[in-house]
N, C-alpha and C. Protein backbone atom coordinates (compact mmCIF):
# COMPACT_ATOMS: atom_id res chain seq x y z
N UNK A 1 0.06 12.40 -11.48
CA UNK A 1 0.11 10.79 -10.62
C UNK A 1 -0.94 9.78 -11.06
N UNK A 2 -0.82 8.75 -11.01
CA UNK A 2 -2.00 7.40 -11.18
C UNK A 2 -2.46 7.33 -10.15
N UNK A 3 -3.33 7.35 -10.27
CA UNK A 3 -4.56 6.83 -8.76
C UNK A 3 -4.08 5.64 -8.83
N UNK A 4 -4.34 4.94 -7.92
CA UNK A 4 -4.35 3.30 -7.01
C UNK A 4 -5.36 2.75 -7.42
N UNK A 5 -5.85 1.79 -7.74
CA UNK A 5 -7.05 1.04 -7.93
C UNK A 5 -6.86 0.13 -7.00
N UNK A 6 -7.08 0.17 -5.72
CA UNK A 6 -7.26 -0.77 -4.60
C UNK A 6 -8.31 -1.65 -4.94
N UNK A 7 -9.53 -1.52 -5.42
CA UNK A 7 -10.50 -2.69 -5.18
C UNK A 7 -9.78 -3.82 -6.32
N UNK A 8 -8.93 -3.53 -7.22
CA UNK A 8 -8.68 -4.27 -8.30
C UNK A 8 -7.20 -4.47 -7.59
N UNK A 9 -6.57 -4.04 -6.86
CA UNK A 9 -5.57 -4.72 -6.09
C UNK A 9 -6.16 -5.80 -5.64
N UNK A 10 -6.69 -5.60 -4.76
CA UNK A 10 -7.47 -6.29 -3.68
C UNK A 10 -8.10 -7.88 -4.36
N UNK A 11 -8.83 -7.62 -5.34
CA UNK A 11 -9.35 -8.63 -6.06
C UNK A 11 -8.29 -9.44 -6.75
N UNK A 12 -7.14 -9.13 -7.42
CA UNK A 12 -6.09 -9.84 -8.01
C UNK A 12 -5.19 -10.47 -6.75
N UNK A 13 -5.17 -9.73 -5.64
CA UNK A 13 -4.54 -10.38 -4.90
C UNK A 13 -4.46 -11.03 -3.22
N UNK A 14 -6.03 -10.32 -2.95
CA UNK A 14 -6.43 -10.81 -1.75
C UNK A 14 -6.74 -12.14 -1.40
N UNK A 15 -6.93 -13.23 -2.62
CA UNK A 15 -7.09 -14.54 -2.50
C UNK A 15 -5.52 -15.37 -2.11
N UNK A 16 -4.58 -14.50 -2.60
CA UNK A 16 -3.58 -15.50 -2.25
C UNK A 16 -2.92 -14.77 -0.87
N UNK A 17 -3.47 -13.81 -0.56
CA UNK A 17 -3.08 -12.73 0.71
C UNK A 17 -3.28 -13.76 2.12
N UNK A 18 -4.86 -13.99 1.65
CA UNK A 18 -5.54 -14.41 2.36
C UNK A 18 -5.07 -16.13 2.94
N UNK A 19 -4.92 -16.63 1.80
CA UNK A 19 -4.55 -17.93 1.66
C UNK A 19 -2.87 -18.27 2.57
N UNK A 20 -1.81 -17.26 2.13
CA UNK A 20 -1.29 -17.24 2.96
C UNK A 20 -0.99 -17.35 4.54
N UNK A 21 -1.98 -16.09 4.82
CA UNK A 21 -2.01 -15.78 5.99
C UNK A 21 -2.61 -16.54 6.86
N UNK A 22 -3.32 -17.91 6.27
CA UNK A 22 -4.24 -18.71 7.06
C UNK A 22 -3.01 -19.87 7.32
N UNK A 23 -2.50 -20.08 6.16
CA UNK A 23 -1.10 -21.37 6.01
C UNK A 23 -0.16 -21.13 7.27
N UNK A 24 0.07 -19.34 7.65
CA UNK A 24 1.25 -19.36 8.58
C UNK A 24 0.37 -19.33 10.11
N UNK A 25 -1.32 -18.69 10.28
CA UNK A 25 -1.36 -18.52 11.41
C UNK A 25 -2.48 -19.77 11.92
N UNK A 26 -2.93 -20.31 10.75
CA UNK A 26 -3.66 -21.63 11.02
C UNK A 26 -5.01 -21.43 11.57
N UNK A 27 -5.43 -20.28 11.24
CA UNK A 27 -7.14 -20.01 11.90
C UNK A 27 -7.65 -18.99 11.02
N UNK A 28 -9.11 -19.34 10.41
CA UNK A 28 -9.49 -18.38 9.54
C UNK A 28 -9.46 -16.59 10.28
N UNK A 29 -9.95 -16.81 11.74
CA UNK A 29 -10.22 -15.19 12.41
C UNK A 29 -9.05 -14.41 12.15
N UNK A 30 -7.61 -15.20 12.25
CA UNK A 30 -6.39 -14.55 12.59
C UNK A 30 -6.00 -14.39 10.97
N UNK A 31 -6.03 -15.23 10.01
CA UNK A 31 -5.94 -15.32 8.64
C UNK A 31 -6.77 -13.80 8.28
N UNK A 32 -8.09 -13.71 8.87
CA UNK A 32 -8.76 -11.96 8.59
C UNK A 32 -8.03 -11.29 8.74
N UNK A 33 -7.48 -11.29 10.14
CA UNK A 33 -6.82 -10.29 10.39
C UNK A 33 -6.02 -9.93 9.82
N UNK A 34 -5.01 -10.68 9.42
CA UNK A 34 -3.51 -10.70 8.89
C UNK A 34 -4.01 -10.02 7.40
N UNK A 35 -5.05 -10.36 6.68
CA UNK A 35 -5.38 -10.00 5.59
C UNK A 35 -5.75 -8.34 5.62
N UNK A 36 -6.73 -8.15 6.43
CA UNK A 36 -6.77 -6.69 6.39
C UNK A 36 -5.74 -6.00 6.87
N UNK A 37 -4.83 -6.05 7.65
CA UNK A 37 -3.64 -5.28 8.45
C UNK A 37 -2.52 -5.52 6.85
N UNK A 38 -2.80 -6.45 6.24
CA UNK A 38 -1.50 -6.44 4.76
C UNK A 38 -1.92 -5.50 3.83
N UNK A 39 -3.14 -5.41 3.71
CA UNK A 39 -4.01 -4.42 2.76
C UNK A 39 -4.00 -2.70 3.27
N UNK A 40 -4.30 -2.38 4.27
CA UNK A 40 -4.07 -1.46 5.41
C UNK A 40 -2.72 -0.55 5.41
N UNK A 41 -1.58 -1.59 5.67
CA UNK A 41 -0.08 -1.16 5.32
C UNK A 41 0.36 -0.94 4.17
N UNK A 42 -0.53 -1.75 3.60
CA UNK A 42 -0.01 -1.15 1.96
C UNK A 42 -0.70 0.25 1.43
N UNK A 43 -2.13 0.61 1.62
CA UNK A 43 -2.63 1.48 1.69
C UNK A 43 -1.71 2.98 2.21
N UNK A 44 -1.59 2.84 3.35
CA UNK A 44 -0.44 3.67 4.51
C UNK A 44 1.08 3.66 4.07
N UNK A 45 1.40 2.98 2.94
CA UNK A 45 2.55 2.94 2.43
C UNK A 45 2.39 3.18 1.21
N UNK A 46 1.53 3.46 0.58
CA UNK A 46 1.35 4.22 -0.67
C UNK A 46 1.07 5.48 -0.56
N UNK A 47 0.47 6.03 0.75
CA UNK A 47 0.24 7.05 1.08
C UNK A 47 1.41 7.95 1.28
N UNK A 48 2.71 7.23 2.05
CA UNK A 48 3.37 8.14 2.77
C UNK A 48 4.50 7.98 1.04
N UNK A 49 4.55 7.03 0.63
CA UNK A 49 5.29 7.41 -0.76
C UNK A 49 5.10 8.25 -1.44
N UNK A 50 3.57 8.51 -1.86
CA UNK A 50 2.96 9.56 -2.31
C UNK A 50 3.30 10.98 -1.89
N UNK A 51 3.48 11.22 -0.83
CA UNK A 51 4.03 11.90 0.12
C UNK A 51 5.49 12.48 -0.11
N UNK A 52 5.84 11.68 -0.12
CA UNK A 52 7.65 11.53 -0.40
C UNK A 52 7.83 11.57 -1.50
N UNK A 53 7.31 11.57 -2.59
CA UNK A 53 7.50 12.11 -4.12
C UNK A 53 7.08 13.59 -4.18
N UNK A 54 5.94 14.01 -3.67
CA UNK A 54 5.59 15.24 -3.78
C UNK A 54 6.60 16.13 -2.91
N UNK A 55 6.71 15.91 -1.87
CA UNK A 55 7.72 16.71 -0.97
C UNK A 55 9.18 16.85 -1.78
N UNK A 56 9.70 15.91 -2.52
CA UNK A 56 10.57 15.75 -3.51
C UNK A 56 10.34 16.50 -4.53
N UNK A 57 9.68 16.46 -5.04
CA UNK A 57 9.37 17.31 -6.09
C UNK A 57 8.97 19.03 -6.03
N UNK A 58 8.70 19.32 -4.99
CA UNK A 58 8.19 20.37 -4.68
C UNK A 58 9.60 21.34 -4.39
N UNK A 59 10.72 20.23 -3.67
CA UNK A 59 11.69 20.72 -3.41
C UNK A 59 12.93 20.98 -4.68
N UNK A 60 12.53 19.96 -5.62
CA UNK A 60 13.19 20.18 -6.83
C UNK A 60 13.01 21.29 -7.42
N UNK A 61 11.45 21.22 -7.56
CA UNK A 61 11.06 22.98 -8.35
C UNK A 61 11.80 23.80 -7.70
N UNK A 62 11.55 24.01 -6.02
CA UNK A 62 12.40 25.18 -5.54
C UNK A 62 14.06 25.30 -5.97
N UNK A 63 14.19 24.07 -6.11
CA UNK A 63 16.11 24.54 -6.33
C UNK A 63 16.09 24.84 -7.80
N UNK A 64 15.32 24.34 -8.82
CA UNK A 64 15.59 25.20 -10.19
C UNK A 64 15.09 26.34 -10.31
N UNK A 65 13.98 26.90 -9.35
CA UNK A 65 14.17 28.37 -9.52
C UNK A 65 15.30 29.31 -8.97
N UNK A 66 15.82 28.44 -7.97
CA UNK A 66 16.85 28.81 -7.20
C UNK A 66 18.25 29.06 -8.48
N UNK A 67 18.05 28.51 -9.35
CA UNK A 67 19.35 28.37 -10.46
C UNK A 67 19.34 29.45 -11.55
């Protein structure tokens, strides 16, 4: 599985995420919070997706052994 380059993702998408958050909430402190939460959620979701892929693959491999 390919490692995710989070620093690169944040460099590429961080400015637009922050600007969008600022437009929505109207203040820098809250925009900072939204920005951080957005990327924290992305990391959590990526970890969960990876875990599901690993579980699926393990189940698939077990199923192939039983064939």
